[in-house]
Amino acid sequence: MARFPLEPIRGVLQRRTEDAATALRRHGERKSQQEKRLEELRTFRREYLEQRGALLAQGTTASRLRDFEGFIRRLDEAIAVQEKEVERARALWDGARQFWETQRQKERAIDVLADRHAEGELERESRLEQKHTDEFASRADRDGVARTKGRG
């Protein structure tokens, strides 16, 4: 069977797809870390607000209340920054996913070509084998007829 002429390109595409999958996995991990961090900040903020509510119910000083309010503002700022980080991580992940899909489509396309090439080679070999079988049978018939005539 003849070698698939695009095999070197097929290998390159497979490596690119593997590299794209690795990058996608890395971006997915980063995105998950950023989302987890954001959820931690939001949870911390909710807990802090609950503590503030309990202090207000018990009675607290104005300076302590200002401290709580200042800390909540800083948490809100940190949450806003983290939301942007999550958004950026999601965009990078989405870009990596699209790139991986494009690479995978290219790899699949060349796989289809390789399969067609292999099928064509099998058909060619089958036809060649059939031709040899037919020629052998034809020779055997001629040789049999010639021997029969030679006896007569």
N, C-alpha and C. Protein backbone atom coordinates (compact mmCIF):
# COMPACT_ATOMS: atom_id res chain seq x y z
N MET A 1 0.85 -1.18 0.00
CA MET A 1 0.00 0.00 0.00
C MET A 1 0.89 1.24 0.00
N ALA A 2 0.55 2.18 -0.83
CA ALA A 2 1.31 3.43 -0.94
C ALA A 2 1.09 4.27 0.31
N ARG A 3 2.12 4.92 0.74
CA ARG A 3 2.06 5.79 1.92
C ARG A 3 1.20 7.02 1.62
N PHE A 4 0.44 7.44 2.62
CA PHE A 4 -0.40 8.63 2.49
C PHE A 4 0.52 9.83 2.33
N PRO A 5 0.42 10.55 1.22
CA PRO A 5 1.38 11.64 0.94
C PRO A 5 1.29 12.81 1.92
N LEU A 6 0.17 12.96 2.60
CA LEU A 6 0.02 14.08 3.54
C LEU A 6 0.29 13.66 4.99
N GLU A 7 0.92 12.51 5.18
CA GLU A 7 1.19 12.00 6.53
C GLU A 7 2.01 12.98 7.37
N PRO A 8 3.03 13.65 6.82
CA PRO A 8 3.77 14.62 7.65
C PRO A 8 2.88 15.77 8.14
N ILE A 9 1.99 16.22 7.28
CA ILE A 9 1.06 17.30 7.68
C ILE A 9 0.09 16.78 8.74
N ARG A 10 -0.33 15.54 8.57
CA ARG A 10 -1.24 14.91 9.53
C ARG A 10 -0.60 14.89 10.92
N GLY A 11 0.68 14.54 10.97
CA GLY A 11 1.39 14.53 12.25
C GLY A 11 1.48 15.91 12.88
N VAL A 12 1.74 16.91 12.05
CA VAL A 12 1.81 18.29 12.56
C VAL A 12 0.45 18.71 13.12
N LEU A 13 -0.61 18.40 12.40
CA LEU A 13 -1.95 18.76 12.87
C LEU A 13 -2.31 18.04 14.16
N GLN A 14 -1.91 16.80 14.29
CA GLN A 14 -2.18 16.08 15.53
C GLN A 14 -1.46 16.73 16.71
N ARG A 15 -0.19 17.11 16.50
CA ARG A 15 0.56 17.78 17.57
C ARG A 15 -0.08 19.13 17.92
N ARG A 16 -0.51 19.87 16.91
CA ARG A 16 -1.15 21.16 17.18
C ARG A 16 -2.45 20.97 17.96
N THR A 17 -3.20 19.94 17.63
CA THR A 17 -4.45 19.67 18.35
C THR A 17 -4.15 19.30 19.79
N GLU A 18 -3.13 18.48 20.00
CA GLU A 18 -2.72 18.12 21.37
C GLU A 18 -2.27 19.35 22.15
N ASP A 19 -1.49 20.20 21.50
CA ASP A 19 -1.03 21.44 22.16
C ASP A 19 -2.21 22.35 22.49
N ALA A 20 -3.17 22.44 21.58
CA ALA A 20 -4.36 23.26 21.81
C ALA A 20 -5.18 22.69 22.97
N ALA A 21 -5.25 21.36 23.06
CA ALA A 21 -5.99 20.73 24.16
C ALA A 21 -5.30 21.00 25.49
N THR A 22 -3.99 20.99 25.49
CA THR A 22 -3.23 21.29 26.71
C THR A 22 -3.48 22.73 27.15
N ALA A 23 -3.45 23.65 26.19
CA ALA A 23 -3.71 25.07 26.50
C ALA A 23 -5.13 25.25 27.01
N LEU A 24 -6.08 24.55 26.39
CA LEU A 24 -7.48 24.64 26.83
C LEU A 24 -7.62 24.16 28.26
N ARG A 25 -6.97 23.05 28.58
CA ARG A 25 -7.02 22.52 29.94
C ARG A 25 -6.41 23.52 30.93
N ARG A 26 -5.28 24.11 30.56
CA ARG A 26 -4.62 25.10 31.42
C ARG A 26 -5.52 26.32 31.65
N HIS A 27 -6.13 26.82 30.58
CA HIS A 27 -7.04 27.97 30.71
C HIS A 27 -8.28 27.60 31.52
N GLY A 28 -8.73 26.37 31.38
CA GLY A 28 -9.88 25.92 32.17
C GLY A 28 -9.57 25.88 33.65
N GLU A 29 -8.37 25.42 33.99
CA GLU A 29 -7.95 25.41 35.39
C GLU A 29 -7.85 26.82 35.94
N ARG A 30 -7.28 27.70 35.15
CA ARG A 30 -7.14 29.11 35.57
C ARG A 30 -8.53 29.74 35.77
N LYS A 31 -9.43 29.48 34.85
CA LYS A 31 -10.79 30.01 34.95
C LYS A 31 -11.46 29.49 36.22
N SER A 32 -11.31 28.22 36.50
CA SER A 32 -11.91 27.63 37.71
C SER A 32 -11.33 28.26 38.97
N GLN A 33 -10.02 28.50 38.97
CA GLN A 33 -9.38 29.14 40.13
C GLN A 33 -9.93 30.55 40.35
N GLN A 34 -10.07 31.30 39.27
CA GLN A 34 -10.58 32.67 39.37
C GLN A 34 -12.04 32.68 39.84
N GLU A 35 -12.84 31.75 39.31
CA GLU A 35 -14.24 31.67 39.74
C GLU A 35 -14.34 31.27 41.21
N LYS A 36 -13.48 30.36 41.63
CA LYS A 36 -13.47 29.94 43.04
C LYS A 36 -13.10 31.12 43.94
N ARG A 37 -12.08 31.87 43.53
CA ARG A 37 -11.65 33.03 44.32
C ARG A 37 -12.78 34.05 44.44
N LEU A 38 -13.49 34.29 43.34
CA LEU A 38 -14.62 35.22 43.37
C LEU A 38 -15.70 34.74 44.33
N GLU A 39 -16.01 33.46 44.27
CA GLU A 39 -17.03 32.92 45.17
C GLU A 39 -16.58 33.03 46.63
N GLU A 40 -15.30 32.84 46.88
CA GLU A 40 -14.77 32.99 48.25
C GLU A 40 -14.95 34.43 48.74
N LEU A 41 -14.65 35.40 47.88
CA LEU A 41 -14.82 36.81 48.26
C LEU A 41 -16.29 37.13 48.54
N ARG A 42 -17.17 36.63 47.70
CA ARG A 42 -18.61 36.88 47.91
C ARG A 42 -19.10 36.24 49.20
N THR A 43 -18.62 35.03 49.47
CA THR A 43 -19.00 34.35 50.72
C THR A 43 -18.49 35.13 51.92
N PHE A 44 -17.25 35.58 51.84
CA PHE A 44 -16.66 36.36 52.92
C PHE A 44 -17.47 37.64 53.16
N ARG A 45 -17.88 38.28 52.08
CA ARG A 45 -18.67 39.51 52.19
C ARG A 45 -20.01 39.23 52.88
N ARG A 46 -20.69 38.14 52.47
CA ARG A 46 -21.97 37.78 53.10
C ARG A 46 -21.78 37.52 54.59
N GLU A 47 -20.73 36.78 54.94
CA GLU A 47 -20.47 36.49 56.35
C GLU A 47 -20.18 37.77 57.13
N TYR A 48 -19.44 38.66 56.53
CA TYR A 48 -19.09 39.91 57.19
C TYR A 48 -20.34 40.77 57.40
N LEU A 49 -21.23 40.76 56.39
CA LEU A 49 -22.49 41.51 56.55
C LEU A 49 -23.34 40.91 57.68
N GLU A 50 -23.33 39.59 57.80
CA GLU A 50 -24.07 38.95 58.89
C GLU A 50 -23.49 39.36 60.25
N GLN A 51 -22.15 39.42 60.33
CA GLN A 51 -21.50 39.84 61.58
C GLN A 51 -21.87 41.28 61.91
N ARG A 52 -21.89 42.12 60.88
CA ARG A 52 -22.26 43.52 61.07
C ARG A 52 -23.70 43.62 61.57
N GLY A 53 -24.58 42.83 61.00
CA GLY A 53 -25.98 42.83 61.46
C GLY A 53 -26.11 42.40 62.91
N ALA A 54 -25.33 41.40 63.28
CA ALA A 54 -25.36 40.94 64.68
C ALA A 54 -24.84 42.03 65.61
N LEU A 55 -23.78 42.74 65.21
CA LEU A 55 -23.23 43.82 66.02
C LEU A 55 -24.24 44.97 66.17
N LEU A 56 -24.93 45.27 65.05
CA LEU A 56 -25.93 46.34 65.10
C LEU A 56 -27.06 45.96 66.05
N ALA A 57 -27.44 44.69 66.03
CA ALA A 57 -28.52 44.24 66.91
C ALA A 57 -28.10 44.31 68.38
N GLN A 58 -26.83 44.06 68.63
CA GLN A 58 -26.32 44.09 70.00
C GLN A 58 -25.97 45.51 70.43
N GLY A 59 -25.75 46.35 69.44
CA GLY A 59 -25.32 47.72 69.73
C GLY A 59 -23.80 47.81 69.58
N THR A 60 -23.35 48.79 68.85
CA THR A 60 -21.92 48.94 68.60
C THR A 60 -21.58 50.42 68.52
N THR A 61 -20.31 50.70 68.49
CA THR A 61 -19.88 52.10 68.41
C THR A 61 -19.89 52.55 66.95
N ALA A 62 -19.94 53.87 66.78
CA ALA A 62 -19.93 54.44 65.43
C ALA A 62 -18.60 54.14 64.73
N SER A 63 -17.51 54.17 65.46
CA SER A 63 -16.21 53.90 64.82
C SER A 63 -16.12 52.45 64.37
N ARG A 64 -16.65 51.55 65.16
CA ARG A 64 -16.63 50.13 64.75
C ARG A 64 -17.52 49.93 63.52
N LEU A 65 -18.63 50.60 63.48
CA LEU A 65 -19.53 50.50 62.33
C LEU A 65 -18.84 51.07 61.09
N ARG A 66 -18.12 52.19 61.23
CA ARG A 66 -17.37 52.76 60.10
C ARG A 66 -16.30 51.78 59.61
N ASP A 67 -15.64 51.10 60.55
CA ASP A 67 -14.64 50.10 60.17
C ASP A 67 -15.28 48.98 59.33
N PHE A 68 -16.43 48.53 59.78
CA PHE A 68 -17.15 47.49 59.03
C PHE A 68 -17.50 47.99 57.64
N GLU A 69 -18.04 49.20 57.58
CA GLU A 69 -18.45 49.77 56.29
C GLU A 69 -17.23 49.93 55.37
N GLY A 70 -16.11 50.40 55.92
CA GLY A 70 -14.89 50.56 55.12
C GLY A 70 -14.39 49.22 54.61
N PHE A 71 -14.46 48.21 55.46
CA PHE A 71 -14.01 46.89 55.04
C PHE A 71 -14.93 46.32 53.96
N ILE A 72 -16.21 46.53 54.10
CA ILE A 72 -17.17 46.05 53.08
C ILE A 72 -16.90 46.75 51.75
N ARG A 73 -16.60 48.05 51.80
CA ARG A 73 -16.25 48.77 50.55
C ARG A 73 -15.01 48.15 49.90
N ARG A 74 -14.01 47.85 50.71
CA ARG A 74 -12.80 47.23 50.16
C ARG A 74 -13.10 45.84 49.59
N LEU A 75 -13.98 45.12 50.26
CA LEU A 75 -14.39 43.81 49.72
C LEU A 75 -15.12 43.99 48.39
N ASP A 76 -16.00 44.99 48.33
CA ASP A 76 -16.72 45.26 47.07
C ASP A 76 -15.74 45.59 45.94
N GLU A 77 -14.72 46.36 46.26
CA GLU A 77 -13.70 46.69 45.26
C GLU A 77 -12.95 45.43 44.82
N ALA A 78 -12.59 44.60 45.80
CA ALA A 78 -11.89 43.35 45.48
C ALA A 78 -12.78 42.44 44.64
N ILE A 79 -14.05 42.41 44.94
CA ILE A 79 -15.00 41.59 44.16
C ILE A 79 -15.08 42.12 42.73
N ALA A 80 -15.14 43.44 42.59
CA ALA A 80 -15.20 44.03 41.23
C ALA A 80 -13.95 43.67 40.43
N VAL A 81 -12.79 43.76 41.08
CA VAL A 81 -11.54 43.41 40.40
C VAL A 81 -11.57 41.92 40.03
N GLN A 82 -12.02 41.09 40.97
CA GLN A 82 -12.04 39.65 40.73
C GLN A 82 -13.06 39.29 39.63
N GLU A 83 -14.16 40.01 39.57
CA GLU A 83 -15.13 39.76 38.49
C GLU A 83 -14.49 40.02 37.12
N LYS A 84 -13.66 41.05 37.05
CA LYS A 84 -12.95 41.33 35.79
C LYS A 84 -11.94 40.22 35.48
N GLU A 85 -11.29 39.70 36.51
CA GLU A 85 -10.34 38.59 36.32
C GLU A 85 -11.08 37.34 35.82
N VAL A 86 -12.24 37.10 36.38
CA VAL A 86 -13.05 35.95 35.95
C VAL A 86 -13.48 36.14 34.50
N GLU A 87 -13.91 37.34 34.18
CA GLU A 87 -14.33 37.64 32.81
C GLU A 87 -13.17 37.43 31.83
N ARG A 88 -11.99 37.89 32.23
CA ARG A 88 -10.81 37.73 31.38
C ARG A 88 -10.44 36.24 31.24
N ALA A 89 -10.49 35.51 32.34
CA ALA A 89 -10.17 34.08 32.30
C ALA A 89 -11.17 33.32 31.43
N ARG A 90 -12.43 33.70 31.51
CA ARG A 90 -13.45 33.05 30.67
C ARG A 90 -13.23 33.36 29.20
N ALA A 91 -12.84 34.59 28.90
CA ALA A 91 -12.58 34.97 27.50
C ALA A 91 -11.37 34.20 26.96
N LEU A 92 -10.33 34.08 27.77
CA LEU A 92 -9.15 33.31 27.34
C LEU A 92 -9.51 31.85 27.14
N TRP A 93 -10.31 31.30 28.06
CA TRP A 93 -10.73 29.91 27.93
C TRP A 93 -11.57 29.72 26.67
N ASP A 94 -12.48 30.66 26.42
CA ASP A 94 -13.34 30.56 25.24
C ASP A 94 -12.50 30.63 23.96
N GLY A 95 -11.52 31.51 23.93
CA GLY A 95 -10.63 31.60 22.77
C GLY A 95 -9.84 30.31 22.58
N ALA A 96 -9.36 29.74 23.68
CA ALA A 96 -8.61 28.48 23.61
C ALA A 96 -9.52 27.35 23.14
N ARG A 97 -10.77 27.36 23.58
CA ARG A 97 -11.73 26.33 23.15
C ARG A 97 -12.01 26.44 21.66
N GLN A 98 -12.19 27.65 21.18
CA GLN A 98 -12.44 27.85 19.75
C GLN A 98 -11.23 27.43 18.93
N PHE A 99 -10.03 27.77 19.41
CA PHE A 99 -8.81 27.38 18.69
C PHE A 99 -8.68 25.86 18.66
N TRP A 100 -8.95 25.20 19.80
CA TRP A 100 -8.88 23.74 19.85
C TRP A 100 -9.89 23.13 18.88
N GLU A 101 -11.11 23.66 18.84
CA GLU A 101 -12.12 23.14 17.92
C GLU A 101 -11.68 23.28 16.46
N THR A 102 -11.07 24.42 16.13
CA THR A 102 -10.57 24.64 14.77
C THR A 102 -9.48 23.62 14.44
N GLN A 103 -8.55 23.44 15.38
CA GLN A 103 -7.47 22.47 15.16
C GLN A 103 -8.03 21.06 15.01
N ARG A 104 -9.01 20.73 15.83
CA ARG A 104 -9.61 19.39 15.79
C ARG A 104 -10.32 19.18 14.45
N GLN A 105 -11.00 20.21 13.95
CA GLN A 105 -11.67 20.09 12.64
C GLN A 105 -10.65 19.85 11.54
N LYS A 106 -9.53 20.55 11.59
CA LYS A 106 -8.48 20.35 10.59
C LYS A 106 -7.93 18.92 10.67
N GLU A 107 -7.73 18.47 11.89
CA GLU A 107 -7.21 17.10 12.07
C GLU A 107 -8.21 16.07 11.54
N ARG A 108 -9.47 16.28 11.83
CA ARG A 108 -10.50 15.35 11.33
C ARG A 108 -10.57 15.37 9.80
N ALA A 109 -10.42 16.54 9.22
CA ALA A 109 -10.47 16.64 7.75
C ALA A 109 -9.33 15.83 7.12
N ILE A 110 -8.14 15.94 7.68
CA ILE A 110 -7.03 15.19 7.09
C ILE A 110 -7.17 13.70 7.40
N ASP A 111 -7.81 13.37 8.52
CA ASP A 111 -8.10 11.96 8.81
C ASP A 111 -9.03 11.37 7.77
N VAL A 112 -10.02 12.17 7.36
CA VAL A 112 -10.95 11.71 6.32
C VAL A 112 -10.17 11.47 5.02
N LEU A 113 -9.28 12.38 4.67
CA LEU A 113 -8.46 12.21 3.47
C LEU A 113 -7.59 10.95 3.58
N ALA A 114 -7.03 10.71 4.74
CA ALA A 114 -6.20 9.52 4.94
C ALA A 114 -7.04 8.26 4.79
N ASP A 115 -8.26 8.27 5.34
CA ASP A 115 -9.15 7.12 5.21
C ASP A 115 -9.51 6.88 3.75
N ARG A 116 -9.81 7.94 3.03
CA ARG A 116 -10.14 7.80 1.60
C ARG A 116 -8.93 7.26 0.83
N HIS A 117 -7.75 7.74 1.17
CA HIS A 117 -6.54 7.26 0.51
C HIS A 117 -6.38 5.76 0.77
N ALA A 118 -6.56 5.34 2.01
CA ALA A 118 -6.41 3.92 2.36
C ALA A 118 -7.45 3.08 1.62
N GLU A 119 -8.69 3.57 1.57
CA GLU A 119 -9.74 2.85 0.84
C GLU A 119 -9.40 2.73 -0.64
N GLY A 120 -8.91 3.80 -1.22
CA GLY A 120 -8.51 3.79 -2.62
C GLY A 120 -7.39 2.81 -2.88
N GLU A 121 -6.43 2.76 -1.97
CA GLU A 121 -5.32 1.83 -2.11
C GLU A 121 -5.81 0.39 -2.00
N LEU A 122 -6.73 0.12 -1.09
CA LEU A 122 -7.28 -1.23 -0.95
C LEU A 122 -8.03 -1.63 -2.22
N GLU A 123 -8.81 -0.70 -2.76
CA GLU A 123 -9.53 -0.98 -4.00
C GLU A 123 -8.55 -1.25 -5.14
N ARG A 124 -7.49 -0.45 -5.24
CA ARG A 124 -6.49 -0.63 -6.29
C ARG A 124 -5.81 -1.99 -6.15
N GLU A 125 -5.45 -2.34 -4.92
CA GLU A 125 -4.83 -3.64 -4.69
C GLU A 125 -5.78 -4.78 -5.01
N SER A 126 -7.04 -4.60 -4.66
CA SER A 126 -8.05 -5.63 -4.94
C SER A 126 -8.22 -5.82 -6.45
N ARG A 127 -8.29 -4.71 -7.19
CA ARG A 127 -8.41 -4.80 -8.65
C ARG A 127 -7.19 -5.46 -9.26
N LEU A 128 -6.01 -5.11 -8.76
CA LEU A 128 -4.77 -5.70 -9.26
C LEU A 128 -4.73 -7.20 -8.98
N GLU A 129 -5.15 -7.59 -7.78
CA GLU A 129 -5.20 -9.01 -7.42
C GLU A 129 -6.19 -9.75 -8.31
N GLN A 130 -7.36 -9.11 -8.55
CA GLN A 130 -8.36 -9.73 -9.42
C GLN A 130 -7.83 -9.88 -10.83
N LYS A 131 -7.09 -8.87 -11.30
CA LYS A 131 -6.51 -8.93 -12.64
C LYS A 131 -5.53 -10.09 -12.74
N HIS A 132 -4.68 -10.26 -11.72
CA HIS A 132 -3.73 -11.36 -11.72
C HIS A 132 -4.44 -12.71 -11.67
N THR A 133 -5.51 -12.78 -10.88
CA THR A 133 -6.29 -14.01 -10.80
C THR A 133 -6.92 -14.33 -12.15
N ASP A 134 -7.49 -13.32 -12.79
CA ASP A 134 -8.10 -13.51 -14.11
C ASP A 134 -7.06 -13.95 -15.13
N GLU A 135 -5.90 -13.31 -15.12
CA GLU A 135 -4.83 -13.68 -16.06
C GLU A 135 -4.36 -15.11 -15.82
N PHE A 136 -4.24 -15.48 -14.57
CA PHE A 136 -3.81 -16.84 -14.24
C PHE A 136 -4.85 -17.85 -14.72
N ALA A 137 -6.13 -17.53 -14.47
CA ALA A 137 -7.21 -18.43 -14.91
C ALA A 137 -7.24 -18.52 -16.42
N SER A 138 -7.05 -17.39 -17.09
CA SER A 138 -7.06 -17.38 -18.55
C SER A 138 -5.90 -18.21 -19.09
N ARG A 139 -4.72 -18.08 -18.50
CA ARG A 139 -3.56 -18.87 -18.92
C ARG A 139 -3.80 -20.36 -18.68
N ALA A 140 -4.38 -20.65 -17.54
CA ALA A 140 -4.65 -22.05 -17.22
C ALA A 140 -5.62 -22.63 -18.23
N ASP A 141 -6.65 -21.85 -18.62
CA ASP A 141 -7.62 -22.31 -19.62
C ASP A 141 -6.91 -22.53 -20.94
N ARG A 142 -6.08 -21.57 -21.36
CA ARG A 142 -5.37 -21.70 -22.65
C ARG A 142 -4.44 -22.91 -22.62
N ASP A 143 -3.72 -23.05 -21.52
CA ASP A 143 -2.80 -24.17 -21.41
C ASP A 143 -3.57 -25.48 -21.42
N GLY A 144 -4.69 -25.53 -20.79
CA GLY A 144 -5.54 -26.73 -20.77
C GLY A 144 -6.07 -27.03 -22.15
N VAL A 145 -6.51 -26.03 -22.89
CA VAL A 145 -7.04 -26.19 -24.25
C VAL A 145 -5.91 -26.64 -25.16
N ALA A 146 -4.72 -26.04 -25.01
CA ALA A 146 -3.59 -26.40 -25.86
C ALA A 146 -3.17 -27.84 -25.60
N ARG A 147 -3.17 -28.30 -24.37
CA ARG A 147 -2.79 -29.68 -24.08
C ARG A 147 -3.82 -30.63 -24.64
N THR A 148 -5.10 -30.23 -24.58
CA THR A 148 -6.16 -31.08 -25.10
C THR A 148 -6.04 -31.20 -26.59
N LYS A 149 -5.72 -30.11 -27.29
CA LYS A 149 -5.56 -30.13 -28.75
C LYS A 149 -4.33 -30.92 -29.12
N GLY A 150 -3.30 -30.87 -28.34
CA GLY A 150 -2.07 -31.56 -28.64
C GLY A 150 -2.24 -33.05 -28.52
N ARG A 151 -3.18 -33.54 -27.80
CA ARG A 151 -3.42 -34.97 -27.63
C ARG A 151 -4.24 -35.52 -28.80
N GLY A 152 -4.96 -34.70 -29.40
CA GLY A 152 -5.95 -35.10 -30.39
C GLY A 152 -5.45 -35.40 -31.70
